[in-house]
Protein backbone atom coordinates (compact mmCIF):
# COMPACT_ATOMS: atom_id res chain seq x y z
CA UNK A 1 0.00 0.00 0.00
CA UNK A 2 2.80 2.42 0.89
CA UNK A 3 4.55 1.75 -2.41
CA UNK A 4 1.36 2.50 -4.35
CA UNK A 5 0.85 5.78 -2.49
CA UNK A 6 4.47 6.77 -3.04
CA UNK A 7 4.20 6.01 -6.76
CA UNK A 8 0.96 7.99 -7.00
CA UNK A 9 2.57 10.95 -5.22
CA UNK A 10 5.55 10.93 -7.58
CA UNK A 11 3.35 10.59 -10.67
CA UNK A 12 1.18 13.45 -9.42
CA UNK A 13 4.28 15.64 -8.96
CA UNK A 14 5.45 14.77 -12.48
CA UNK A 15 2.07 15.69 -13.95
CA UNK A 16 1.81 18.82 -11.80
CA UNK A 17 5.26 19.98 -12.90
CA UNK A 18 4.38 19.42 -16.53
CA UNK A 19 1.10 21.33 -16.27
CA UNK A 20 2.40 24.04 -13.92
CA UNK A 21 5.34 25.00 -16.08
CA UNK A 22 3.19 24.98 -19.22
CA UNK A 23 1.13 27.87 -17.82
CA UNK A 24 2.14 31.43 -18.67
CA UNK A 25 2.68 32.62 -15.08
CA UNK A 26 5.79 34.41 -13.88
CA UNK A 27 8.69 32.29 -12.61
CA UNK A 28 8.22 33.38 -9.01
CA UNK A 29 4.59 32.32 -8.94
CA UNK A 30 5.47 29.01 -10.59
CA UNK A 31 8.24 28.36 -8.05
CA UNK A 32 5.97 29.23 -5.11
CA UNK A 33 3.25 26.96 -6.49
CA UNK A 34 5.75 24.14 -7.00
CA UNK A 35 6.95 24.42 -3.39
CA UNK A 36 3.35 24.51 -2.13
CA UNK A 37 2.59 21.35 -4.11
CA UNK A 38 5.70 19.36 -3.19
CA UNK A 39 6.10 20.09 0.54
CA UNK A 40 2.90 18.98 2.33
CA UNK A 41 3.16 15.19 1.98
CA UNK A 42 6.86 14.89 2.93
CA UNK A 43 6.36 17.28 5.85
CA UNK A 44 3.57 15.06 7.23
CA UNK A 45 6.20 12.33 7.61
CA UNK A 46 9.21 14.51 8.43
CA UNK A 47 7.84 16.77 11.18
CA UNK A 48 6.86 14.02 13.69
CA UNK A 49 10.35 12.55 13.43
CA UNK A 50 11.94 15.96 14.00
CA UNK A 51 9.69 16.91 16.92
CA UNK A 52 10.25 13.66 18.81
CA UNK A 53 13.68 12.27 17.93
CA UNK A 54 13.69 10.04 21.01
CA UNK A 55 10.76 7.93 19.78
CA UNK A 56 11.32 4.67 17.95
CA UNK A 57 11.50 4.92 14.17
CA UNK A 58 12.11 8.69 14.28
CA UNK A 59 15.20 8.27 12.14
CA UNK A 60 13.22 6.20 9.64
CA UNK A 61 10.51 8.87 9.47
CA UNK A 62 13.14 11.55 8.87
CA UNK A 63 14.77 9.49 6.12
CA UNK A 64 11.47 8.80 4.40
CA UNK A 65 10.44 12.46 4.62
CA UNK A 66 13.70 13.71 3.14
CA UNK A 67 13.59 11.05 0.40
CA UNK A 68 10.02 12.00 -0.51
CA UNK A 69 10.94 15.67 -0.58
CA UNK A 70 13.94 15.12 -2.84
CA UNK A 71 12.08 12.73 -5.15
CA UNK A 72 9.10 15.09 -5.32
CA UNK A 73 11.38 17.96 -6.31
CA UNK A 74 13.08 15.78 -8.93
CA UNK A 75 9.72 14.72 -10.36
CA UNK A 76 8.53 18.33 -10.41
CA UNK A 77 11.74 19.27 -12.22
CA UNK A 78 11.24 16.39 -14.65
CA UNK A 79 7.75 17.59 -15.45
CA UNK A 80 9.02 21.13 -15.89
CA UNK A 81 11.77 20.00 -18.24
CA UNK A 82 9.26 17.93 -20.24
CA UNK A 83 7.03 21.01 -20.60
CA UNK A 84 10.05 23.12 -21.58
CA UNK A 85 11.17 20.60 -24.20
CA UNK A 86 7.66 20.31 -25.60
CA UNK A 87 7.24 24.08 -25.90
CA UNK A 88 10.66 24.35 -27.50
CA UNK A 89 9.73 21.87 -30.24
CA UNK A 90 6.70 23.85 -31.34
C-alpha atoms as a PDB file:
ATOM      1  CA  UNK A   1       0.000   0.000   0.000  1.00  0.00           C
ATOM      2  CA  UNK A   2       2.803   2.421   0.892  1.00  0.00           C
ATOM      3  CA  UNK A   3       4.547   1.748  -2.409  1.00  0.00           C
ATOM      4  CA  UNK A   4       1.363   2.497  -4.347  1.00  0.00           C
ATOM      5  CA  UNK A   5       0.846   5.781  -2.486  1.00  0.00           C
ATOM      6  CA  UNK A   6       4.469   6.770  -3.043  1.00  0.00           C
ATOM      7  CA  UNK A   7       4.199   6.005  -6.755  1.00  0.00           C
ATOM      8  CA  UNK A   8       0.956   7.993  -7.000  1.00  0.00           C
ATOM      9  CA  UNK A   9       2.571  10.952  -5.220  1.00  0.00           C
ATOM     10  CA  UNK A  10       5.548  10.930  -7.578  1.00  0.00           C
ATOM     11  CA  UNK A  11       3.348  10.590 -10.673  1.00  0.00           C
ATOM     12  CA  UNK A  12       1.181  13.450  -9.423  1.00  0.00           C
ATOM     13  CA  UNK A  13       4.279  15.645  -8.963  1.00  0.00           C
ATOM     14  CA  UNK A  14       5.455  14.768 -12.477  1.00  0.00           C
ATOM     15  CA  UNK A  15       2.069  15.686 -13.948  1.00  0.00           C
ATOM     16  CA  UNK A  16       1.813  18.822 -11.802  1.00  0.00           C
ATOM     17  CA  UNK A  17       5.265  19.981 -12.901  1.00  0.00           C
ATOM     18  CA  UNK A  18       4.377  19.416 -16.532  1.00  0.00           C
ATOM     19  CA  UNK A  19       1.096  21.330 -16.269  1.00  0.00           C
ATOM     20  CA  UNK A  20       2.396  24.038 -13.924  1.00  0.00           C
ATOM     21  CA  UNK A  21       5.336  24.999 -16.082  1.00  0.00           C
ATOM     22  CA  UNK A  22       3.189  24.978 -19.218  1.00  0.00           C
ATOM     23  CA  UNK A  23       1.126  27.869 -17.819  1.00  0.00           C
ATOM     24  CA  UNK A  24       2.139  31.428 -18.668  1.00  0.00           C
ATOM     25  CA  UNK A  25       2.677  32.616 -15.081  1.00  0.00           C
ATOM     26  CA  UNK A  26       5.792  34.411 -13.878  1.00  0.00           C
ATOM     27  CA  UNK A  27       8.689  32.291 -12.607  1.00  0.00           C
ATOM     28  CA  UNK A  28       8.225  33.380  -9.009  1.00  0.00           C
ATOM     29  CA  UNK A  29       4.590  32.320  -8.937  1.00  0.00           C
ATOM     30  CA  UNK A  30       5.469  29.010 -10.589  1.00  0.00           C
ATOM     31  CA  UNK A  31       8.243  28.355  -8.049  1.00  0.00           C
ATOM     32  CA  UNK A  32       5.973  29.226  -5.108  1.00  0.00           C
ATOM     33  CA  UNK A  33       3.254  26.961  -6.490  1.00  0.00           C
ATOM     34  CA  UNK A  34       5.748  24.139  -6.995  1.00  0.00           C
ATOM     35  CA  UNK A  35       6.946  24.425  -3.390  1.00  0.00           C
ATOM     36  CA  UNK A  36       3.350  24.510  -2.134  1.00  0.00           C
ATOM     37  CA  UNK A  37       2.591  21.346  -4.108  1.00  0.00           C
ATOM     38  CA  UNK A  38       5.701  19.358  -3.185  1.00  0.00           C
ATOM     39  CA  UNK A  39       6.097  20.088   0.537  1.00  0.00           C
ATOM     40  CA  UNK A  40       2.896  18.977   2.333  1.00  0.00           C
ATOM     41  CA  UNK A  41       3.160  15.188   1.978  1.00  0.00           C
ATOM     42  CA  UNK A  42       6.863  14.887   2.933  1.00  0.00           C
ATOM     43  CA  UNK A  43       6.355  17.276   5.846  1.00  0.00           C
ATOM     44  CA  UNK A  44       3.571  15.055   7.233  1.00  0.00           C
ATOM     45  CA  UNK A  45       6.201  12.332   7.608  1.00  0.00           C
ATOM     46  CA  UNK A  46       9.208  14.510   8.432  1.00  0.00           C
ATOM     47  CA  UNK A  47       7.842  16.768  11.183  1.00  0.00           C
ATOM     48  CA  UNK A  48       6.863  14.022  13.692  1.00  0.00           C
ATOM     49  CA  UNK A  49      10.353  12.549  13.427  1.00  0.00           C
ATOM     50  CA  UNK A  50      11.938  15.961  13.997  1.00  0.00           C
ATOM     51  CA  UNK A  51       9.692  16.913  16.917  1.00  0.00           C
ATOM     52  CA  UNK A  52      10.251  13.661  18.812  1.00  0.00           C
ATOM     53  CA  UNK A  53      13.679  12.274  17.926  1.00  0.00           C
ATOM     54  CA  UNK A  54      13.688  10.036  21.009  1.00  0.00           C
ATOM     55  CA  UNK A  55      10.762   7.928  19.781  1.00  0.00           C
ATOM     56  CA  UNK A  56      11.321   4.669  17.952  1.00  0.00           C
ATOM     57  CA  UNK A  57      11.498   4.916  14.171  1.00  0.00           C
ATOM     58  CA  UNK A  58      12.108   8.688  14.277  1.00  0.00           C
ATOM     59  CA  UNK A  59      15.200   8.266  12.139  1.00  0.00           C
ATOM     60  CA  UNK A  60      13.220   6.200   9.643  1.00  0.00           C
ATOM     61  CA  UNK A  61      10.512   8.870   9.469  1.00  0.00           C
ATOM     62  CA  UNK A  62      13.136  11.545   8.865  1.00  0.00           C
ATOM     63  CA  UNK A  63      14.769   9.486   6.125  1.00  0.00           C
ATOM     64  CA  UNK A  64      11.468   8.800   4.396  1.00  0.00           C
ATOM     65  CA  UNK A  65      10.435  12.459   4.619  1.00  0.00           C
ATOM     66  CA  UNK A  66      13.703  13.713   3.141  1.00  0.00           C
ATOM     67  CA  UNK A  67      13.593  11.053   0.399  1.00  0.00           C
ATOM     68  CA  UNK A  68      10.016  12.003  -0.506  1.00  0.00           C
ATOM     69  CA  UNK A  69      10.938  15.675  -0.581  1.00  0.00           C
ATOM     70  CA  UNK A  70      13.943  15.119  -2.840  1.00  0.00           C
ATOM     71  CA  UNK A  71      12.084  12.730  -5.148  1.00  0.00           C
ATOM     72  CA  UNK A  72       9.101  15.090  -5.321  1.00  0.00           C
ATOM     73  CA  UNK A  73      11.380  17.961  -6.314  1.00  0.00           C
ATOM     74  CA  UNK A  74      13.080  15.777  -8.925  1.00  0.00           C
ATOM     75  CA  UNK A  75       9.717  14.720 -10.364  1.00  0.00           C
ATOM     76  CA  UNK A  76       8.533  18.329 -10.411  1.00  0.00           C
ATOM     77  CA  UNK A  77      11.736  19.269 -12.223  1.00  0.00           C
ATOM     78  CA  UNK A  78      11.238  16.392 -14.651  1.00  0.00           C
ATOM     79  CA  UNK A  79       7.749  17.586 -15.454  1.00  0.00           C
ATOM     80  CA  UNK A  80       9.025  21.133 -15.886  1.00  0.00           C
ATOM     81  CA  UNK A  81      11.773  20.003 -18.239  1.00  0.00           C
ATOM     82  CA  UNK A  82       9.258  17.934 -20.238  1.00  0.00           C
ATOM     83  CA  UNK A  83       7.031  21.010 -20.595  1.00  0.00           C
ATOM     84  CA  UNK A  84      10.052  23.118 -21.581  1.00  0.00           C
ATOM     85  CA  UNK A  85      11.168  20.605 -24.203  1.00  0.00           C
ATOM     86  CA  UNK A  86       7.656  20.307 -25.596  1.00  0.00           C
ATOM     87  CA  UNK A  87       7.236  24.077 -25.901  1.00  0.00           C
ATOM     88  CA  UNK A  88      10.663  24.346 -27.502  1.00  0.00           C
ATOM     89  CA  UNK A  89       9.734  21.865 -30.236  1.00  0.00           C
ATOM     90  CA  UNK A  90       6.696  23.848 -31.338  1.00  0.00           C
END
